[in-house]
Every structure is written in C-alpha cells, then in structure tokens.
Amino acid sequence: MTAALKSARWKVKIRDKENREPPHFTIIRGTKSWRIDLRTAEFMDDSPDPSEIPKELIELIRDEANWQELCDVWDKMYPHNPVSDDENAD
C-alpha cells in the first residue's frame, strides 16, 4: 500500500474468527469497514458506500498478485473454508 493511503489510515486485512463466513477481506478506515468477497470480488454489504474507497486502493487490491496474496492468507488462516471451495463454485 502506498504511503499516502497508509497515512490516510486505510487498512486491508483478513480478520480473525471469520471462518463461518464466505472468504473475504475487510477494508478499514476509522470506524468504517467494507467487506469484499474473495470468490466473487463483490462488496458484501450495502453500507458504507463503496464509492468512498479511493480508486487507487481498489486498483492495488485488484492487482492479480495482491488478490492472490489475500486468497493465500485466507486459505492459510481458514483451511477448512478455502477460497477455491468447489462446493460453492457456480
């Protein structure tokens, strides 16, 4: 993440104790958080408005290597609920 995004208090993380939910990561800024599904790449909640997230941050996240890293971290944290779960594939 760029220094400007960090200094603006933007964070991207996979939270603990999320194993019963679909694989996702959370973008956090202050008290606001946005969850994005790692299988569908869609926002999981209607609020807060996803348009509040800087385009630069979305582009960084959607970079293939960064997306794969998020998937790998999820799979390591929650091996019984992997991102590539064939049972949940369309």
C-alpha atoms as a PDB file:
ATOM      1  CA  MET A   1       0.000   0.000   0.000  1.00  0.00           C
ATOM      2  CA  THR A   2       1.268   3.469  -0.745  1.00  0.00           C
ATOM      3  CA  ALA A   3       2.446   5.802   1.985  1.00  0.00           C
ATOM      4  CA  ALA A   4      -0.363   8.249   1.160  1.00  0.00           C
ATOM      5  CA  LEU A   5      -3.024   5.570   1.706  1.00  0.00           C
ATOM      6  CA  LYS A   6      -1.381   4.433   4.941  1.00  0.00           C
ATOM      7  CA  SER A   7      -1.133   7.978   6.260  1.00  0.00           C
ATOM      8  CA  ALA A   8      -4.831   8.449   5.430  1.00  0.00           C
ATOM      9  CA  ARG A   9      -5.470   5.449   7.752  1.00  0.00           C
ATOM     10  CA  TRP A  10      -6.622   2.944   5.115  1.00  0.00           C
ATOM     11  CA  LYS A  11      -6.040  -0.714   6.042  1.00  0.00           C
ATOM     12  CA  VAL A  12      -6.734  -4.016   4.313  1.00  0.00           C
ATOM     13  CA  LYS A  13      -6.910  -7.116   6.453  1.00  0.00           C
ATOM     14  CA  ILE A  14      -8.412 -10.516   6.996  1.00  0.00           C
ATOM     15  CA  ARG A  15      -9.920 -10.527  10.440  1.00  0.00           C
ATOM     16  CA  ASP A  16      -9.735 -13.323  12.980  1.00  0.00           C
ATOM     17  CA  LYS A  17     -12.741 -15.520  13.749  1.00  0.00           C
ATOM     18  CA  GLU A  18     -14.283 -15.208  10.274  1.00  0.00           C
ATOM     19  CA  ASN A  19     -14.194 -18.925   9.432  1.00  0.00           C
ATOM     20  CA  ARG A  20     -18.007 -19.354   9.196  1.00  0.00           C
ATOM     21  CA  GLU A  21     -18.441 -16.614   6.603  1.00  0.00           C
ATOM     22  CA  PRO A  22     -17.624 -16.692   2.901  1.00  0.00           C
ATOM     23  CA  PRO A  23     -13.933 -15.943   2.275  1.00  0.00           C
ATOM     24  CA  HIS A  24     -13.453 -12.186   2.368  1.00  0.00           C
ATOM     25  CA  PHE A  25     -11.188  -9.361   3.411  1.00  0.00           C
ATOM     26  CA  THR A  26     -12.025  -6.063   5.010  1.00  0.00           C
ATOM     27  CA  ILE A  27     -11.011  -2.553   4.011  1.00  0.00           C
ATOM     28  CA  ILE A  28     -10.930  -0.373   7.115  1.00  0.00           C
ATOM     29  CA  ARG A  29     -10.719   3.349   7.678  1.00  0.00           C
ATOM     30  CA  GLY A  30     -11.502   4.677  11.123  1.00  0.00           C
ATOM     31  CA  THR A  31     -14.798   3.151  12.233  1.00  0.00           C
ATOM     32  CA  LYS A  32     -15.935   2.295   8.707  1.00  0.00           C
ATOM     33  CA  SER A  33     -15.342  -1.086   7.109  1.00  0.00           C
ATOM     34  CA  TRP A  34     -16.122  -2.664   3.762  1.00  0.00           C
ATOM     35  CA  ARG A  35     -16.087  -6.452   3.258  1.00  0.00           C
ATOM     36  CA  ILE A  36     -15.231  -7.861  -0.176  1.00  0.00           C
ATOM     37  CA  ASP A  37     -15.916 -11.481  -1.095  1.00  0.00           C
ATOM     38  CA  LEU A  38     -12.769 -13.245  -2.325  1.00  0.00           C
ATOM     39  CA  ARG A  39     -14.790 -15.647  -4.507  1.00  0.00           C
ATOM     40  CA  THR A  40     -16.934 -13.087  -6.324  1.00  0.00           C
ATOM     41  CA  ALA A  41     -14.927  -9.847  -5.833  1.00  0.00           C
ATOM     42  CA  GLU A  42     -18.182  -8.114  -4.837  1.00  0.00           C
ATOM     43  CA  PHE A  43     -18.892  -5.953  -1.827  1.00  0.00           C
ATOM     44  CA  MET A  44     -20.763  -7.947   0.804  1.00  0.00           C
ATOM     45  CA  ASP A  45     -22.619  -5.030   2.415  1.00  0.00           C
ATOM     46  CA  ASP A  46     -24.639  -2.071   1.149  1.00  0.00           C
ATOM     47  CA  SER A  47     -23.215   0.320   3.688  1.00  0.00           C
ATOM     48  CA  PRO A  48     -20.911   2.173   3.877  1.00  0.00           C
ATOM     49  CA  ASP A  49     -20.904   3.241   0.262  1.00  0.00           C
ATOM     50  CA  PRO A  50     -18.067   1.557  -1.679  1.00  0.00           C
ATOM     51  CA  SER A  51     -17.539   4.773  -3.648  1.00  0.00           C
ATOM     52  CA  GLU A  52     -15.871   6.198  -0.511  1.00  0.00           C
ATOM     53  CA  ILE A  53     -12.855   3.948  -1.133  1.00  0.00           C
ATOM     54  CA  PRO A  54     -10.109   5.612  -3.201  1.00  0.00           C
ATOM     55  CA  LYS A  55      -9.787   4.202  -6.729  1.00  0.00           C
ATOM     56  CA  GLU A  56      -6.041   3.840  -6.144  1.00  0.00           C
ATOM     57  CA  LEU A  57      -6.712   1.414  -3.278  1.00  0.00           C
ATOM     58  CA  ILE A  58      -9.206  -0.625  -5.297  1.00  0.00           C
ATOM     59  CA  GLU A  59      -6.683  -0.876  -8.153  1.00  0.00           C
ATOM     60  CA  LEU A  60      -3.967  -2.067  -5.756  1.00  0.00           C
ATOM     61  CA  ILE A  61      -6.260  -4.712  -4.289  1.00  0.00           C
ATOM     62  CA  ARG A  62      -7.418  -5.939  -7.695  1.00  0.00           C
ATOM     63  CA  ASP A  63      -3.848  -6.329  -8.909  1.00  0.00           C
ATOM     64  CA  GLU A  64      -3.517 -10.052  -9.614  1.00  0.00           C
ATOM     65  CA  ALA A  65      -0.569 -10.611  -7.266  1.00  0.00           C
ATOM     66  CA  ASN A  66      -2.200  -8.709  -4.392  1.00  0.00           C
ATOM     67  CA  TRP A  67      -5.529 -10.511  -4.862  1.00  0.00           C
ATOM     68  CA  GLN A  68      -3.728 -13.851  -4.848  1.00  0.00           C
ATOM     69  CA  GLU A  69      -1.898 -12.901  -1.668  1.00  0.00           C
ATOM     70  CA  LEU A  70      -5.221 -12.148   0.041  1.00  0.00           C
ATOM     71  CA  CYS A  71      -6.573 -15.519  -1.127  1.00  0.00           C
ATOM     72  CA  ASP A  72      -3.457 -17.302   0.130  1.00  0.00           C
ATOM     73  CA  VAL A  73      -3.646 -15.623   3.532  1.00  0.00           C
ATOM     74  CA  TRP A  74      -7.333 -16.558   3.863  1.00  0.00           C
ATOM     75  CA  ASP A  75      -6.600 -20.176   2.914  1.00  0.00           C
ATOM     76  CA  LYS A  76      -3.790 -20.338   5.484  1.00  0.00           C
ATOM     77  CA  MET A  77      -5.968 -18.852   8.236  1.00  0.00           C
ATOM     78  CA  TYR A  78      -9.071 -20.879   7.349  1.00  0.00           C
ATOM     79  CA  PRO A  79      -8.002 -24.129   5.645  1.00  0.00           C
ATOM     80  CA  HIS A  80     -11.455 -25.663   6.176  1.00  0.00           C
ATOM     81  CA  ASN A  81     -13.097 -22.820   4.216  1.00  0.00           C
ATOM     82  CA  PRO A  82     -10.758 -22.185   1.265  1.00  0.00           C
ATOM     83  CA  VAL A  83     -11.383 -19.518  -1.349  1.00  0.00           C
ATOM     84  CA  SER A  84     -11.445 -22.130  -4.137  1.00  0.00           C
ATOM     85  CA  ASP A  85     -14.086 -24.281  -2.411  1.00  0.00           C
ATOM     86  CA  ASP A  86     -15.525 -26.375  -5.265  1.00  0.00           C
ATOM     87  CA  GLU A  87     -18.804 -26.943  -3.400  1.00  0.00           C
ATOM     88  CA  ASN A  88     -19.572 -23.209  -3.540  1.00  0.00           C
ATOM     89  CA  ALA A  89     -18.487 -22.658  -7.118  1.00  0.00           C
ATOM     90  CA  ASP A  90     -21.129 -21.735  -9.686  1.00  0.00           C
END
